[in-house]
Amino acid sequence: MARTPNYFFVVFGAAYSTNHPVDGGIYGHDPNYLSSSGIMAGDVMLLYCTKNYFGHSNEIPGIGVVTDVKLDGYDIKTNAKTNGIIYQYFPLCHPIDVDWDIRPMVIEEMTPIGKRNWSLKGNWLRKISSISFRSTIAGRQIDWP
């Protein structure tokens, strides 16, 4: 029997964009934080890029479906140690522009502004409700591969 997925809001900052681009399928993060976040295969992520992220400034370009969580793994391409969330990237046909001041998001877990204090972090994730996830992508289409 399949379990109901959990939903997460995931932030991609410019700091790790070269090693782990939003469309690359790996979200690097501290293994201790990942293990305590509860994220696992089958969960779904809203992939948000900060204003300094080249090519996707202040937008949600797609969603990610988690296929694995590596707490002590290796990148087979570089043979380097890697920790992170492995996901299938699904781009949206039209990315969601995000302007936190002018057009507030309907993600209740991101209000008030203190809940969005990720400016000093390269990557960041927070669990959100299925209602927040669905209302954010309502009317959007996935650009299926």
C-alpha atoms as a PDB file:
ATOM      1  CA  MET A   1       0.000   0.000   0.000  1.00  0.00           C
ATOM      2  CA  ALA A   2       1.406   3.380  -1.032  1.00  0.00           C
ATOM      3  CA  ARG A   3       1.820   6.093   1.552  1.00  0.00           C
ATOM      4  CA  THR A   4       0.564   9.639   1.143  1.00  0.00           C
ATOM      5  CA  PRO A   5       3.480  11.886   0.160  1.00  0.00           C
ATOM      6  CA  ASN A   6       4.713  14.765   2.264  1.00  0.00           C
ATOM      7  CA  TYR A   7       5.328  18.119   0.600  1.00  0.00           C
ATOM      8  CA  PHE A   8       8.319  20.397   1.000  1.00  0.00           C
ATOM      9  CA  PHE A   9       9.326  23.917   0.007  1.00  0.00           C
ATOM     10  CA  VAL A  10      12.958  23.755  -1.092  1.00  0.00           C
ATOM     11  CA  VAL A  11      15.203  26.793  -1.619  1.00  0.00           C
ATOM     12  CA  PHE A  12      18.052  26.847  -4.119  1.00  0.00           C
ATOM     13  CA  GLY A  13      20.549  29.633  -3.523  1.00  0.00           C
ATOM     14  CA  ALA A  14      23.330  30.759  -5.820  1.00  0.00           C
ATOM     15  CA  ALA A  15      26.026  29.290  -3.527  1.00  0.00           C
ATOM     16  CA  TYR A  16      25.492  25.688  -4.685  1.00  0.00           C
ATOM     17  CA  SER A  17      24.033  26.298  -8.134  1.00  0.00           C
ATOM     18  CA  THR A  18      27.142  25.066  -9.956  1.00  0.00           C
ATOM     19  CA  ASN A  19      27.382  21.718  -8.133  1.00  0.00           C
ATOM     20  CA  HIS A  20      23.650  21.159  -7.653  1.00  0.00           C
ATOM     21  CA  PRO A  21      21.542  23.093 -10.177  1.00  0.00           C
ATOM     22  CA  VAL A  22      17.777  23.077  -9.667  1.00  0.00           C
ATOM     23  CA  ASP A  23      17.251  20.875 -12.736  1.00  0.00           C
ATOM     24  CA  GLY A  24      20.118  18.534 -11.799  1.00  0.00           C
ATOM     25  CA  GLY A  25      18.214  16.093  -9.618  1.00  0.00           C
ATOM     26  CA  ILE A  26      20.370  16.384  -6.472  1.00  0.00           C
ATOM     27  CA  TYR A  27      19.624  18.737  -3.589  1.00  0.00           C
ATOM     28  CA  GLY A  28      22.698  18.899  -1.386  1.00  0.00           C
ATOM     29  CA  HIS A  29      22.216  19.360   2.336  1.00  0.00           C
ATOM     30  CA  ASP A  30      23.621  18.456   5.758  1.00  0.00           C
ATOM     31  CA  PRO A  31      22.883  14.776   6.548  1.00  0.00           C
ATOM     32  CA  ASN A  32      21.805  15.533  10.129  1.00  0.00           C
ATOM     33  CA  TYR A  33      19.229  18.022   8.907  1.00  0.00           C
ATOM     34  CA  LEU A  34      17.983  15.678   6.196  1.00  0.00           C
ATOM     35  CA  SER A  35      17.489  12.803   8.617  1.00  0.00           C
ATOM     36  CA  SER A  36      15.516  15.022  11.012  1.00  0.00           C
ATOM     37  CA  SER A  37      13.405  16.598   8.221  1.00  0.00           C
ATOM     38  CA  GLY A  38      11.508  13.381   7.584  1.00  0.00           C
ATOM     39  CA  ILE A  39      11.842  13.654   3.813  1.00  0.00           C
ATOM     40  CA  MET A  40      11.883  10.325   1.962  1.00  0.00           C
ATOM     41  CA  ALA A  41      11.299   8.701  -1.399  1.00  0.00           C
ATOM     42  CA  GLY A  42       7.872   9.531  -2.794  1.00  0.00           C
ATOM     43  CA  ASP A  43       7.704  13.011  -1.272  1.00  0.00           C
ATOM     44  CA  VAL A  44       7.182  16.041  -3.507  1.00  0.00           C
ATOM     45  CA  MET A  45       9.084  19.333  -3.459  1.00  0.00           C
ATOM     46  CA  LEU A  46       8.349  22.847  -4.715  1.00  0.00           C
ATOM     47  CA  LEU A  47      11.702  24.015  -6.083  1.00  0.00           C
ATOM     48  CA  TYR A  48      12.218  27.725  -5.411  1.00  0.00           C
ATOM     49  CA  CYS A  49      15.243  29.712  -6.634  1.00  0.00           C
ATOM     50  CA  THR A  50      16.322  32.865  -4.774  1.00  0.00           C
ATOM     51  CA  LYS A  51      16.828  36.247  -6.429  1.00  0.00           C
ATOM     52  CA  ASN A  52      20.562  35.566  -6.896  1.00  0.00           C
ATOM     53  CA  TYR A  53      20.026  32.257  -8.697  1.00  0.00           C
ATOM     54  CA  PHE A  54      21.068  32.788 -12.331  1.00  0.00           C
ATOM     55  CA  GLY A  55      18.376  31.893 -14.858  1.00  0.00           C
ATOM     56  CA  HIS A  56      15.559  31.366 -12.361  1.00  0.00           C
ATOM     57  CA  SER A  57      15.669  34.487 -10.193  1.00  0.00           C
ATOM     58  CA  ASN A  58      12.807  34.542  -7.648  1.00  0.00           C
ATOM     59  CA  GLU A  59      10.809  31.783  -9.253  1.00  0.00           C
ATOM     60  CA  ILE A  60       9.623  28.228  -8.885  1.00  0.00           C
ATOM     61  CA  PRO A  61      10.746  26.592 -12.139  1.00  0.00           C
ATOM     62  CA  GLY A  62       9.449  23.123 -11.320  1.00  0.00           C
ATOM     63  CA  ILE A  63       8.722  20.384  -8.850  1.00  0.00           C
ATOM     64  CA  GLY A  64      10.812  17.446  -7.710  1.00  0.00           C
ATOM     65  CA  VAL A  65       9.676  13.946  -6.807  1.00  0.00           C
ATOM     66  CA  VAL A  66      12.073  12.399  -4.293  1.00  0.00           C
ATOM     67  CA  THR A  67      13.539   9.080  -5.406  1.00  0.00           C
ATOM     68  CA  ASP A  68      16.163   8.672  -2.657  1.00  0.00           C
ATOM     69  CA  VAL A  69      17.832  10.422   0.269  1.00  0.00           C
ATOM     70  CA  LYS A  70      21.599   9.923   0.568  1.00  0.00           C
ATOM     71  CA  LEU A  71      22.986  10.600   4.024  1.00  0.00           C
ATOM     72  CA  ASP A  72      26.467   9.303   3.228  1.00  0.00           C
ATOM     73  CA  GLY A  73      26.733   8.675  -0.473  1.00  0.00           C
ATOM     74  CA  TYR A  74      28.995   9.305  -3.436  1.00  0.00           C
ATOM     75  CA  ASP A  75      28.381  11.158  -6.684  1.00  0.00           C
ATOM     76  CA  ILE A  76      29.076   8.565  -9.387  1.00  0.00           C
ATOM     77  CA  LYS A  77      30.085  11.283 -11.886  1.00  0.00           C
ATOM     78  CA  THR A  78      32.743  12.912  -9.702  1.00  0.00           C
ATOM     79  CA  ASN A  79      33.385  10.117  -7.177  1.00  0.00           C
ATOM     80  CA  ALA A  80      33.058  12.776  -4.470  1.00  0.00           C
ATOM     81  CA  LYS A  81      31.213  12.365  -1.200  1.00  0.00           C
ATOM     82  CA  THR A  82      27.701  13.769  -1.440  1.00  0.00           C
ATOM     83  CA  ASN A  83      24.765  14.110   0.901  1.00  0.00           C
ATOM     84  CA  GLY A  84      21.398  15.078  -0.382  1.00  0.00           C
ATOM     85  CA  ILE A  85      18.001  14.442  -1.798  1.00  0.00           C
ATOM     86  CA  ILE A  86      17.885  12.668  -5.140  1.00  0.00           C
ATOM     87  CA  TYR A  87      14.834  13.673  -7.161  1.00  0.00           C
ATOM     88  CA  GLN A  88      13.231  13.571 -10.583  1.00  0.00           C
ATOM     89  CA  TYR A  89      12.926  17.132 -11.865  1.00  0.00           C
ATOM     90  CA  PHE A  90       9.700  18.135 -13.592  1.00  0.00           C
ATOM     91  CA  PRO A  91       9.797  21.668 -15.025  1.00  0.00           C
ATOM     92  CA  LEU A  92       6.651  23.773 -15.137  1.00  0.00           C
ATOM     93  CA  CYS A  93       5.589  25.005 -18.589  1.00  0.00           C
ATOM     94  CA  HIS A  94       5.519  28.502 -17.089  1.00  0.00           C
ATOM     95  CA  PRO A  95       7.627  29.021 -13.954  1.00  0.00           C
ATOM     96  CA  ILE A  96       5.919  30.701 -11.012  1.00  0.00           C
ATOM     97  CA  ASP A  97       7.270  34.207 -10.431  1.00  0.00           C
ATOM     98  CA  VAL A  98       7.674  34.904  -6.720  1.00  0.00           C
ATOM     99  CA  ASP A  99       7.690  38.394  -5.250  1.00  0.00           C
ATOM    100  CA  TRP A 100       7.305  38.001  -1.507  1.00  0.00           C
ATOM    101  CA  ASP A 101       6.462  41.686  -1.005  1.00  0.00           C
ATOM    102  CA  ILE A 102       4.124  42.512  -3.882  1.00  0.00           C
ATOM    103  CA  ARG A 103       2.366  39.220  -4.563  1.00  0.00           C
ATOM    104  CA  PRO A 104       2.422  37.112  -1.399  1.00  0.00           C
ATOM    105  CA  MET A 105       2.555  33.374  -1.883  1.00  0.00           C
ATOM    106  CA  VAL A 106      -0.289  31.283  -0.573  1.00  0.00           C
ATOM    107  CA  ILE A 107       2.170  29.079   1.308  1.00  0.00           C
ATOM    108  CA  GLU A 108       1.002  29.605   4.854  1.00  0.00           C
ATOM    109  CA  GLU A 109       4.135  27.991   6.270  1.00  0.00           C
ATOM    110  CA  MET A 110       6.215  30.843   4.789  1.00  0.00           C
ATOM    111  CA  THR A 111       4.449  33.661   6.659  1.00  0.00           C
ATOM    112  CA  PRO A 112       5.360  35.838   8.491  1.00  0.00           C
ATOM    113  CA  ILE A 113       8.669  36.963   6.951  1.00  0.00           C
ATOM    114  CA  GLY A 114      10.663  35.455   9.847  1.00  0.00           C
ATOM    115  CA  LYS A 115       9.796  32.024   8.448  1.00  0.00           C
ATOM    116  CA  ARG A 116      11.674  32.931   5.253  1.00  0.00           C
ATOM    117  CA  ASN A 117      15.066  33.621   6.815  1.00  0.00           C
ATOM    118  CA  TRP A 118      17.197  31.694   4.340  1.00  0.00           C
ATOM    119  CA  SER A 119      19.394  34.567   3.127  1.00  0.00           C
ATOM    120  CA  LEU A 120      22.472  33.248   4.947  1.00  0.00           C
ATOM    121  CA  LYS A 121      22.017  29.650   3.855  1.00  0.00           C
ATOM    122  CA  GLY A 122      22.868  28.116   0.495  1.00  0.00           C
ATOM    123  CA  ASN A 123      20.080  25.565   0.638  1.00  0.00           C
ATOM    124  CA  TRP A 124      17.023  25.321   2.854  1.00  0.00           C
ATOM    125  CA  LEU A 125      13.875  23.191   3.089  1.00  0.00           C
ATOM    126  CA  ARG A 126      10.675  23.206   5.090  1.00  0.00           C
ATOM    127  CA  LYS A 127       7.716  20.845   5.195  1.00  0.00           C
ATOM    128  CA  ILE A 128       4.472  22.377   3.896  1.00  0.00           C
ATOM    129  CA  SER A 129       0.889  21.144   3.705  1.00  0.00           C
ATOM    130  CA  SER A 130      -0.609  19.502   0.651  1.00  0.00           C
ATOM    131  CA  ILE A 131      -3.043  22.438   0.505  1.00  0.00           C
ATOM    132  CA  SER A 132      -0.150  24.924   0.272  1.00  0.00           C
ATOM    133  CA  PHE A 133       1.511  22.812  -2.414  1.00  0.00           C
ATOM    134  CA  ARG A 134      -1.645  22.376  -4.483  1.00  0.00           C
ATOM    135  CA  SER A 135      -2.708  26.020  -4.220  1.00  0.00           C
ATOM    136  CA  THR A 136       0.756  27.168  -5.346  1.00  0.00           C
ATOM    137  CA  ILE A 137       0.766  25.089  -8.517  1.00  0.00           C
ATOM    138  CA  ALA A 138      -2.969  25.411  -9.245  1.00  0.00           C
ATOM    139  CA  GLY A 139      -3.506  26.008 -12.967  1.00  0.00           C
ATOM    140  CA  ARG A 140       0.114  25.199 -13.832  1.00  0.00           C
ATOM    141  CA  GLN A 141       1.131  22.458 -16.215  1.00  0.00           C
ATOM    142  CA  ILE A 142       4.204  20.292 -16.002  1.00  0.00           C
ATOM    143  CA  ASP A 143       6.406  20.152 -19.097  1.00  0.00           C
ATOM    144  CA  TRP A 144       6.529  16.359 -19.142  1.00  0.00           C
ATOM    145  CA  PRO A 145       9.755  14.834 -20.552  1.00  0.00           C
END
